[in-house]
Amino acid sequence: MPTRILAGLLLLGLFFTACKKDDPAPVPQTPDFTLFFNNEFNELQARYAVFLSDADGQMRAFRWLPGRDTASLSVPGSAQTDRFDCTIVKITNIDASGSGVVDTTISLTTYTQLSDGQSINLHDPEYRQSIDLLIQFTNINSLDSIIVPDGLTFARPQPANNFTGQYRILHTGKVWLRILINGESTWRYMFFDNVEGPNQTASIDATILPKMFNAPSKYIGLPFNGPWSYLIEGLVDTSANKFMPLGDLLRAPGGAVPVFEQLAVFEPEVRPYNGYRIRMSAPPGQAGYGYASDGFYTSLPSFLSAPNIDISASVPANSRYAAASCQGDIDAVSFTRSFTGLPGIRWEVLLPGSNGQIVTYRLPDLPDAIADLSFALKTYNFGNAVEARAEAYANLSGFSLILQKRLQNNDPLWQAKGRFVARIRNF
């Protein structure tokens, strides 16, 4: 081999050896505890922040989440085997058009003892659309009553407006209504199929509408007499989130809430659905407890029984600490505090439940960026009032599965599928 080539190879070998010697040795990396977030809201819809707390309530990591983007949050110096509580902060500004008034609400949700690598989806699971229905009835002398399920009344049909009504309706493609006309004692009804778009108009000869000879079709007894909120839907296609509303008109915010202990369900003679979804709720009142449920039914039940679970205070609560005793097969416990001033604040903590055990929780320390949003939040100005909710699921097993459903937030029907029921008390 020529001397020049040999010398060149030797120099090249020395060069690579020198480079390997000068390169720093790789430092072993210990992965930190990390959570991942998928935020589908833009910052005009809602502004989000998250922070992580340890078992002592000390804040260990904080960040604002970018709108319509993914992000992660890690705890420096932690291990993947550690557990932390995660609090999601949602700030919503509602601008009343033309009034110059901006109403701000701050909602905090704390999920306890999360494991490393969890993904949390932030998006609106609402599957219903809204449409403005403008409808005029002809060939009637009087319209004695009209019910548009899940419809908010903008204008009621009457002689002064030539029997023209306007309703904003929440729907999944199928709408119906029922009317009493001309002093008749039997309801008439009509369907609107394949509803879509922002608005729809119709002119209807009321006298040709079919009659409902079996109305109401069912009475459902409720656990107690109270200001119930409810939503009853016929199951059209659960895989595509298609339902037909069977409830009442929507009530305008701030109006009187009726009190009742029995629910009348009206159904058309022709039923384009198979089965029902029933959601019921009432706050704690004269019965001493509140109630919530969500479930699917093959037929309308005659009575919704009080849940066979309960929760009671074990010690007096304060603005940061609460403790409750669980009775029955409870899957999850929720502690919620509220501040009704400006801005409005609501802070919910979700914990595992256990029969015969006491569940305790102290609200964690707040990051300065969140505490500075409100003096009430900075000082934990919630009084000593806590709303405690005990949850049970007939078709779901264990807190970890329920927690995953809430974190994934991708199935609006998960509580109904799980046959959810809850007993609620104020401490």
Protein backbone atom coordinates (compact mmCIF):
# COMPACT_ATOMS: atom_id res chain seq x y z
CA MET A 1 0.00 0.00 0.00
CA PRO A 2 1.46 3.44 -0.86
CA THR A 3 2.80 5.37 2.10
CA ARG A 4 0.54 8.37 1.40
CA ILE A 5 -2.60 6.24 1.52
CA LEU A 6 -1.49 4.48 4.70
CA ALA A 7 -0.74 7.80 6.37
CA GLY A 8 -4.13 9.13 5.33
CA LEU A 9 -5.94 6.15 6.82
CA LEU A 10 -3.99 6.52 10.02
CA LEU A 11 -4.86 10.20 10.31
CA LEU A 12 -8.52 9.43 9.59
CA GLY A 13 -8.56 6.78 12.31
CA LEU A 14 -6.97 9.19 14.78
CA PHE A 15 -9.61 11.80 13.86
CA PHE A 16 -12.55 9.46 14.62
CA THR A 17 -10.89 8.28 17.83
CA ALA A 18 -10.45 11.86 19.00
CA CYS A 19 -14.09 12.68 18.19
CA LYS A 20 -15.38 9.66 20.15
CA LYS A 21 -13.21 10.59 23.13
CA ASP A 22 -14.36 14.23 23.16
CA ASP A 23 -18.14 13.41 22.90
CA PRO A 24 -19.79 13.52 26.36
CA ALA A 25 -21.12 10.23 27.63
CA PRO A 26 -24.94 10.01 27.36
CA VAL A 27 -26.68 10.86 30.63
CA PRO A 28 -29.46 8.43 31.64
CA GLN A 29 -32.80 10.24 31.59
CA THR A 30 -35.49 9.47 34.20
CA PRO A 31 -38.90 10.24 32.62
CA ASP A 32 -41.05 12.65 34.62
CA PHE A 33 -44.72 12.17 35.42
CA THR A 34 -46.54 13.63 32.39
CA LEU A 35 -50.16 14.21 31.37
CA PHE A 36 -51.33 15.00 27.85
CA PHE A 37 -54.16 17.35 26.84
CA ASN A 38 -56.19 17.76 23.67
CA ASN A 39 -57.98 21.11 23.75
CA GLU A 40 -60.62 21.55 21.02
CA PHE A 41 -61.81 24.97 22.23
CA ASN A 42 -60.42 28.20 20.84
CA GLU A 43 -59.62 30.94 23.32
CA LEU A 44 -62.72 32.94 22.44
CA GLN A 45 -64.88 29.97 23.48
CA ALA A 46 -63.01 29.20 26.70
CA ARG A 47 -59.56 29.65 28.18
CA TYR A 48 -58.05 26.62 29.89
CA ALA A 49 -55.28 26.11 32.45
CA VAL A 50 -54.15 22.99 34.31
CA PHE A 51 -52.11 22.38 37.44
CA LEU A 52 -50.86 19.29 39.24
CA SER A 53 -50.79 18.84 43.03
CA ASP A 54 -49.20 16.26 45.30
CA ALA A 55 -50.75 14.40 48.23
CA ASP A 56 -50.07 17.38 50.53
CA GLY A 57 -51.96 19.74 48.23
CA GLN A 58 -48.78 21.52 47.11
CA MET A 59 -48.89 22.77 43.53
CA ARG A 60 -46.11 21.04 41.54
CA ALA A 61 -46.71 22.12 37.93
CA PHE A 62 -48.86 24.65 36.07
CA ARG A 63 -49.49 25.88 32.54
CA TRP A 64 -52.02 27.59 30.31
CA LEU A 65 -53.29 25.43 27.47
CA PRO A 66 -53.18 26.76 23.90
CA GLY A 67 -56.50 26.90 22.07
CA ARG A 68 -57.26 24.20 19.51
CA ASP A 69 -54.00 22.39 20.15
CA THR A 70 -52.38 19.58 22.09
CA ALA A 71 -50.10 20.09 25.08
CA SER A 72 -48.44 18.23 27.92
CA LEU A 73 -47.58 19.00 31.53
CA SER A 74 -44.81 17.31 33.54
CA VAL A 75 -43.72 17.40 37.18
CA PRO A 76 -39.96 18.05 37.29
CA GLY A 77 -38.01 15.52 39.33
CA SER A 78 -40.91 13.09 39.56
CA ALA A 79 -41.12 9.43 38.55
CA GLN A 80 -43.57 7.65 36.30
CA THR A 81 -44.79 5.67 39.30
CA ASP A 82 -45.88 8.83 41.17
CA ARG A 83 -49.52 9.90 41.39
CA PHE A 84 -50.79 13.48 41.26
CA ASP A 85 -54.11 15.30 41.36
CA CYS A 86 -54.95 17.26 38.22
CA THR A 87 -57.13 20.39 38.30
CA ILE A 88 -58.53 21.72 35.05
CA VAL A 89 -59.52 25.40 35.08
CA LYS A 90 -62.03 26.65 32.50
CA ILE A 91 -62.64 30.39 32.15
CA THR A 92 -65.64 31.44 30.09
CA ASN A 93 -66.63 34.98 29.20
CA ILE A 94 -70.21 35.54 28.04
CA ASP A 95 -70.81 38.90 26.40
CA ALA A 96 -74.48 39.89 26.42
CA SER A 97 -74.87 41.42 22.96
CA GLY A 98 -75.52 45.15 23.04
CA SER A 99 -75.49 45.38 26.85
CA GLY A 100 -71.80 45.96 27.41
CA VAL A 101 -71.94 43.44 30.25
CA VAL A 102 -69.46 40.57 30.31
CA ASP A 103 -70.26 37.67 32.62
CA THR A 104 -67.29 35.53 33.62
CA THR A 105 -67.50 32.04 35.06
CA ILE A 106 -64.61 30.00 36.42
CA SER A 107 -65.04 26.26 36.57
CA LEU A 108 -62.47 24.01 38.27
CA THR A 109 -62.52 20.21 38.15
CA THR A 110 -60.04 18.17 40.17
CA TYR A 111 -59.35 14.54 39.25
CA THR A 112 -57.55 12.72 42.05
CA GLN A 113 -54.61 10.32 41.98
CA LEU A 114 -54.00 10.24 38.23
CA SER A 115 -51.34 7.93 36.86
CA ASP A 116 -48.60 8.86 34.42
CA GLY A 117 -49.40 9.13 30.72
CA GLN A 118 -53.10 9.90 31.00
CA SER A 119 -54.71 11.75 28.08
CA ILE A 120 -57.43 14.30 28.81
CA ASN A 121 -59.78 15.51 26.08
CA LEU A 122 -61.35 18.95 26.36
CA HIS A 123 -64.28 19.31 24.00
CA ASP A 124 -68.03 19.83 23.98
CA PRO A 125 -69.81 16.44 23.91
CA GLU A 126 -73.18 17.99 22.99
CA TYR A 127 -74.56 16.18 19.96
CA ARG A 128 -77.83 18.09 19.57
CA GLN A 129 -78.28 20.88 17.05
CA SER A 130 -80.58 23.88 17.23
CA ILE A 131 -83.10 25.12 14.69
CA ASP A 132 -85.55 28.02 14.63
CA LEU A 133 -88.97 26.70 13.58
CA LEU A 134 -91.46 29.27 12.27
CA ILE A 135 -94.86 27.64 11.90
CA GLN A 136 -98.30 29.03 10.95
CA PHE A 137 -101.53 27.12 11.67
CA THR A 138 -104.56 27.54 9.42
CA ASN A 139 -108.25 26.55 9.73
CA ILE A 140 -108.47 27.03 13.48
CA ASN A 141 -110.56 29.30 15.67
CA SER A 142 -108.45 28.89 18.79
CA LEU A 143 -105.15 27.28 19.70
CA ASP A 144 -105.70 26.20 23.29
CA SER A 145 -102.30 24.61 23.94
CA ILE A 146 -99.11 23.78 22.06
CA ILE A 147 -96.12 21.75 23.22
CA VAL A 148 -92.90 21.60 21.22
CA PRO A 149 -90.60 19.18 23.12
CA ASP A 150 -87.14 20.66 23.77
CA GLY A 151 -88.30 23.92 22.21
CA LEU A 152 -87.86 27.42 23.67
CA THR A 153 -90.81 29.68 22.87
CA PHE A 154 -89.99 32.92 21.06
CA ALA A 155 -93.56 33.59 19.86
CA ARG A 156 -96.71 31.69 20.79
CA PRO A 157 -99.37 31.21 18.07
CA GLN A 158 -102.41 33.40 18.74
CA PRO A 159 -104.97 35.45 16.80
CA ALA A 160 -102.85 38.59 17.10
CA ASN A 161 -100.04 37.02 15.03
CA ASN A 162 -102.30 35.02 12.73
CA PHE A 163 -101.51 31.83 14.71
CA THR A 164 -97.80 31.97 13.89
CA GLY A 165 -95.33 30.55 16.39
CA GLN A 166 -91.56 30.61 16.60
CA TYR A 167 -89.53 28.05 18.58
CA ARG A 168 -85.82 27.36 18.98
CA ILE A 169 -85.54 23.59 19.23
CA LEU A 170 -82.69 21.30 20.26
CA HIS A 171 -82.82 18.21 18.06
CA THR A 172 -80.97 15.33 16.38
CA GLY A 173 -82.86 15.38 13.10
CA LYS A 174 -86.44 14.64 14.15
CA VAL A 175 -88.90 17.11 15.71
CA TRP A 176 -92.55 16.82 16.63
CA LEU A 177 -95.23 18.91 18.33
CA ARG A 178 -98.73 18.49 19.70
CA ILE A 179 -101.62 20.95 19.86
CA LEU A 180 -105.10 21.35 21.33
CA ILE A 181 -107.37 23.38 19.04
CA ASN A 182 -110.95 24.65 18.85
CA GLY A 183 -111.85 23.43 22.33
CA GLU A 184 -111.08 19.77 21.52
CA SER A 185 -110.06 17.47 24.37
CA THR A 186 -107.80 15.31 22.18
CA TRP A 187 -104.28 16.29 21.20
CA ARG A 188 -103.25 16.43 17.55
CA TYR A 189 -99.65 15.98 16.47
CA MET A 190 -97.22 16.21 13.57
CA PHE A 191 -93.61 15.26 12.74
CA PHE A 192 -90.78 17.12 11.07
CA ASP A 193 -88.33 14.55 9.71
CA ASN A 194 -84.75 15.06 8.55
CA VAL A 195 -84.56 18.46 10.18
CA GLU A 196 -81.40 20.38 9.34
CA GLY A 197 -80.12 23.91 8.87
CA PRO A 198 -80.53 26.99 11.06
CA ASN A 199 -84.24 27.56 10.38
CA GLN A 200 -87.37 26.08 8.83
CA THR A 201 -90.82 27.43 8.01
CA ALA A 202 -94.11 25.60 7.59
CA SER A 203 -97.81 26.32 7.07
CA ILE A 204 -100.07 23.62 8.54
CA ASP A 205 -103.78 22.95 8.25
CA ALA A 206 -104.39 22.00 11.90
CA THR A 207 -107.64 20.17 11.20
CA ILE A 208 -105.95 17.45 9.15
CA LEU A 209 -103.40 16.53 11.80
CA PRO A 210 -103.86 13.03 13.35
CA LYS A 211 -105.20 12.71 16.88
CA MET A 212 -103.55 11.17 19.94
CA PHE A 213 -106.21 8.92 21.49
CA ASN A 214 -103.93 7.58 24.22
CA ALA A 215 -102.45 10.63 25.88
CA PRO A 216 -100.64 10.71 28.13
CA SER A 217 -99.34 7.22 27.51
CA LYS A 218 -97.58 6.88 30.86
CA TYR A 219 -97.16 8.42 34.31
CA ILE A 220 -93.77 8.04 35.98
CA GLY A 221 -93.68 8.36 39.75
CA LEU A 222 -90.69 10.23 41.19
CA PRO A 223 -88.92 9.69 44.53
CA PHE A 224 -90.14 12.98 46.05
CA ASN A 225 -91.99 16.20 45.33
CA GLY A 226 -89.52 18.74 43.97
CA PRO A 227 -88.38 21.08 41.17
CA TRP A 228 -87.40 18.35 38.73
CA SER A 229 -85.41 18.87 35.54
CA TYR A 230 -85.82 16.08 33.04
CA LEU A 231 -85.18 15.00 29.47
CA ILE A 232 -86.97 12.03 27.92
CA GLU A 233 -86.02 10.86 24.43
CA GLY A 234 -87.10 8.02 22.17
CA LEU A 235 -84.19 5.95 20.87
CA VAL A 236 -84.07 6.24 17.08
CA ASP A 237 -80.44 5.25 16.45
CA THR A 238 -78.07 5.29 19.43
CA SER A 239 -75.02 4.51 17.27
CA ALA A 240 -75.60 7.77 15.37
CA ASN A 241 -76.91 9.73 18.39
CA LYS A 242 -80.38 10.03 16.87
CA PHE A 243 -83.25 10.59 19.31
CA MET A 244 -86.74 12.04 19.37
CA PRO A 245 -87.58 14.36 22.27
CA LEU A 246 -90.62 13.38 24.36
CA GLY A 247 -90.39 15.97 27.09
CA ASP A 248 -91.82 19.43 27.63
CA LEU A 249 -91.06 22.91 26.37
CA LEU A 250 -87.76 24.37 27.51
CA ARG A 251 -88.14 26.91 30.29
CA ALA A 252 -86.67 30.38 29.93
CA PRO A 253 -83.75 30.98 32.34
CA GLY A 254 -84.78 32.72 35.53
CA GLY A 255 -88.42 31.71 35.29
CA ALA A 256 -90.44 29.79 37.84
CA VAL A 257 -89.58 26.09 38.12
CA PRO A 258 -92.65 23.90 38.71
CA VAL A 259 -92.68 21.39 41.54
CA PHE A 260 -94.11 17.94 40.92
CA GLU A 261 -93.79 14.29 42.01
CA GLN A 262 -95.23 12.58 38.94
CA LEU A 263 -94.24 12.94 35.32
CA ALA A 264 -96.73 12.61 32.44
CA VAL A 265 -95.20 11.32 29.21
CA PHE A 266 -97.01 12.04 25.91
CA GLU A 267 -96.20 9.96 22.84
CA PRO A 268 -97.49 10.02 19.25
CA GLU A 269 -99.68 7.19 18.04
CA VAL A 270 -96.99 6.30 15.51
CA ARG A 271 -93.70 5.80 17.37
CA PRO A 272 -90.60 6.00 15.16
CA TYR A 273 -88.32 4.84 17.98
CA ASN A 274 -87.59 1.75 20.04
CA GLY A 275 -86.79 2.34 23.71
CA TYR A 276 -86.12 5.41 25.81
CA ARG A 277 -83.43 7.50 27.43
CA ILE A 278 -84.50 9.19 30.67
CA ARG A 279 -82.46 11.84 32.48
CA MET A 280 -83.79 13.21 35.77
CA SER A 281 -82.39 15.54 38.43
CA ALA A 282 -83.59 17.53 41.42
CA PRO A 283 -81.53 19.44 44.02
CA PRO A 284 -81.64 18.66 47.75
CA GLY A 285 -84.84 19.99 49.27
CA GLN A 286 -87.63 18.94 51.60
CA ALA A 287 -86.77 15.28 51.04
CA GLY A 288 -83.38 15.94 52.57
CA TYR A 289 -81.50 14.76 49.52
CA GLY A 290 -81.23 15.39 45.80
CA TYR A 291 -81.38 12.91 42.95
CA ALA A 292 -79.83 12.41 39.53
CA SER A 293 -80.08 9.56 37.05
CA ASP A 294 -79.43 8.74 33.40
CA GLY A 295 -80.27 5.46 31.72
CA PHE A 296 -81.74 3.53 28.81
CA TYR A 297 -85.08 1.70 29.13
CA THR A 298 -86.89 -0.73 26.84
CA SER A 299 -90.22 0.59 28.17
CA LEU A 300 -91.24 3.53 30.29
CA PRO A 301 -90.92 2.72 34.01
CA SER A 302 -93.84 3.29 36.38
CA PHE A 303 -91.59 4.64 39.12
CA LEU A 304 -88.04 5.89 39.55
CA SER A 305 -86.90 4.68 42.96
CA ALA A 306 -84.55 6.48 45.30
CA PRO A 307 -81.00 5.14 44.91
CA ASN A 308 -79.89 2.48 47.36
CA ILE A 309 -76.81 4.50 48.30
CA ASP A 310 -76.25 7.45 50.60
CA ILE A 311 -73.62 9.89 51.76
CA SER A 312 -73.43 11.86 55.00
CA ALA A 313 -71.05 14.35 56.58
CA SER A 314 -68.62 12.84 59.09
CA VAL A 315 -67.26 16.18 60.38
CA PRO A 316 -68.29 19.78 59.67
CA ALA A 317 -66.92 20.99 56.36
CA ASN A 318 -65.05 24.23 55.83
CA SER A 319 -64.01 26.26 52.81
CA ARG A 320 -61.24 23.81 51.87
CA TYR A 321 -61.88 20.53 53.71
CA ALA A 322 -64.73 18.03 53.50
CA ALA A 323 -65.23 14.50 54.79
CA ALA A 324 -68.17 12.18 54.10
CA SER A 325 -69.23 8.69 55.06
CA CYS A 326 -70.33 6.37 52.24
CA GLN A 327 -73.17 3.88 52.59
CA GLY A 328 -73.88 1.34 49.86
CA ASP A 329 -72.11 0.29 46.70
CA ILE A 330 -70.78 3.72 45.70
CA ASP A 331 -68.46 3.98 42.70
CA ALA A 332 -67.54 7.68 42.90
CA VAL A 333 -67.94 10.65 45.23
CA SER A 334 -68.01 14.29 44.19
CA PHE A 335 -67.50 17.34 46.44
CA THR A 336 -68.59 20.64 44.84
CA ARG A 337 -68.24 24.18 46.15
CA SER A 338 -69.76 27.27 44.55
CA PHE A 339 -69.42 31.03 44.74
CA THR A 340 -72.39 32.91 43.27
CA GLY A 341 -70.84 36.36 43.09
CA LEU A 342 -68.84 37.89 40.23
CA PRO A 343 -67.20 35.99 38.75
CA GLY A 344 -69.21 32.85 39.38
CA ILE A 345 -67.02 29.97 40.58
CA ARG A 346 -67.66 26.24 40.74
CA TRP A 347 -65.07 23.73 41.98
CA GLU A 348 -65.74 19.99 41.77
CA VAL A 349 -63.48 17.22 43.09
CA LEU A 350 -63.98 13.61 41.96
CA LEU A 351 -62.94 10.83 44.36
CA PRO A 352 -63.36 7.04 44.61
CA GLY A 353 -66.14 5.85 46.90
CA SER A 354 -66.14 2.89 49.24
CA ASN A 355 -68.97 1.28 51.23
CA GLY A 356 -68.68 2.01 54.93
CA GLN A 357 -65.62 4.21 54.52
CA ILE A 358 -64.98 7.91 55.04
CA VAL A 359 -63.83 9.94 52.04
CA THR A 360 -61.85 13.12 52.76
CA TYR A 361 -60.33 15.85 50.64
CA ARG A 362 -58.71 19.26 51.14
CA LEU A 363 -58.63 21.64 48.19
CA PRO A 364 -55.06 22.05 46.88
CA ASP A 365 -53.02 25.23 46.79
CA LEU A 366 -53.74 27.45 43.81
CA PRO A 367 -51.16 28.78 41.34
CA ASP A 368 -50.83 32.55 41.62
CA ALA A 369 -52.08 32.99 38.05
CA ILE A 370 -55.38 31.32 39.00
CA ALA A 371 -55.75 32.74 42.51
CA ASP A 372 -55.31 36.26 41.10
CA LEU A 373 -58.38 35.81 38.87
CA SER A 374 -60.70 36.39 41.82
CA PHE A 375 -60.36 37.46 45.45
CA ALA A 376 -62.99 34.85 46.32
CA LEU A 377 -60.85 32.17 44.71
CA LYS A 378 -57.64 33.45 46.34
CA THR A 379 -59.27 33.28 49.78
CA TYR A 380 -61.27 30.06 49.14
CA ASN A 381 -64.42 32.07 49.84
CA PHE A 382 -66.92 29.22 49.57
CA GLY A 383 -68.28 29.45 53.10
CA ASN A 384 -68.70 26.06 54.72
CA ALA A 385 -71.20 24.73 52.18
CA VAL A 386 -70.39 21.58 50.21
CA GLU A 387 -72.58 19.66 47.80
CA ALA A 388 -71.71 15.96 48.09
CA ARG A 389 -72.80 13.49 45.43
CA ALA A 390 -72.61 9.70 45.71
CA GLU A 391 -72.63 7.99 42.30
CA ALA A 392 -73.38 4.39 41.36
CA TYR A 393 -73.34 2.69 37.95
CA ALA A 394 -75.15 -0.57 37.30
CA ASN A 395 -73.18 -1.31 34.11
CA LEU A 396 -69.75 0.08 34.99
CA SER A 397 -67.39 -1.41 37.54
CA GLY A 398 -64.96 0.64 39.59
CA PHE A 399 -63.76 4.21 39.93
CA SER A 400 -60.89 3.85 37.46
CA LEU A 401 -63.25 3.06 34.58
CA ILE A 402 -65.56 5.96 35.48
CA LEU A 403 -62.53 8.27 35.69
CA GLN A 404 -61.38 7.17 32.23
CA LYS A 405 -64.82 7.90 30.76
CA ARG A 406 -64.68 11.43 32.14
CA LEU A 407 -61.12 12.05 31.02
CA GLN A 408 -61.70 10.71 27.51
CA ASN A 409 -64.91 12.74 27.21
CA ASN A 410 -65.65 11.24 23.78
CA ASP A 411 -68.96 9.44 24.38
CA PRO A 412 -71.92 11.68 25.31
CA LEU A 413 -73.97 8.58 26.19
CA TRP A 414 -71.52 6.93 28.58
CA GLN A 415 -73.54 7.65 31.73
CA ALA A 416 -76.75 6.35 30.15
CA LYS A 417 -74.95 3.21 29.01
CA GLY A 418 -73.59 2.77 32.52
CA ARG A 419 -77.09 3.29 34.06
CA PHE A 420 -76.08 6.17 36.33
CA VAL A 421 -77.84 7.12 39.56
CA ALA A 422 -76.78 9.50 42.34
CA ARG A 423 -77.90 10.74 45.73
CA ILE A 424 -76.97 14.35 46.55
CA ARG A 425 -76.74 16.09 49.91
CA ASN A 426 -75.72 19.56 51.10
CA PHE A 427 -73.33 19.71 54.08
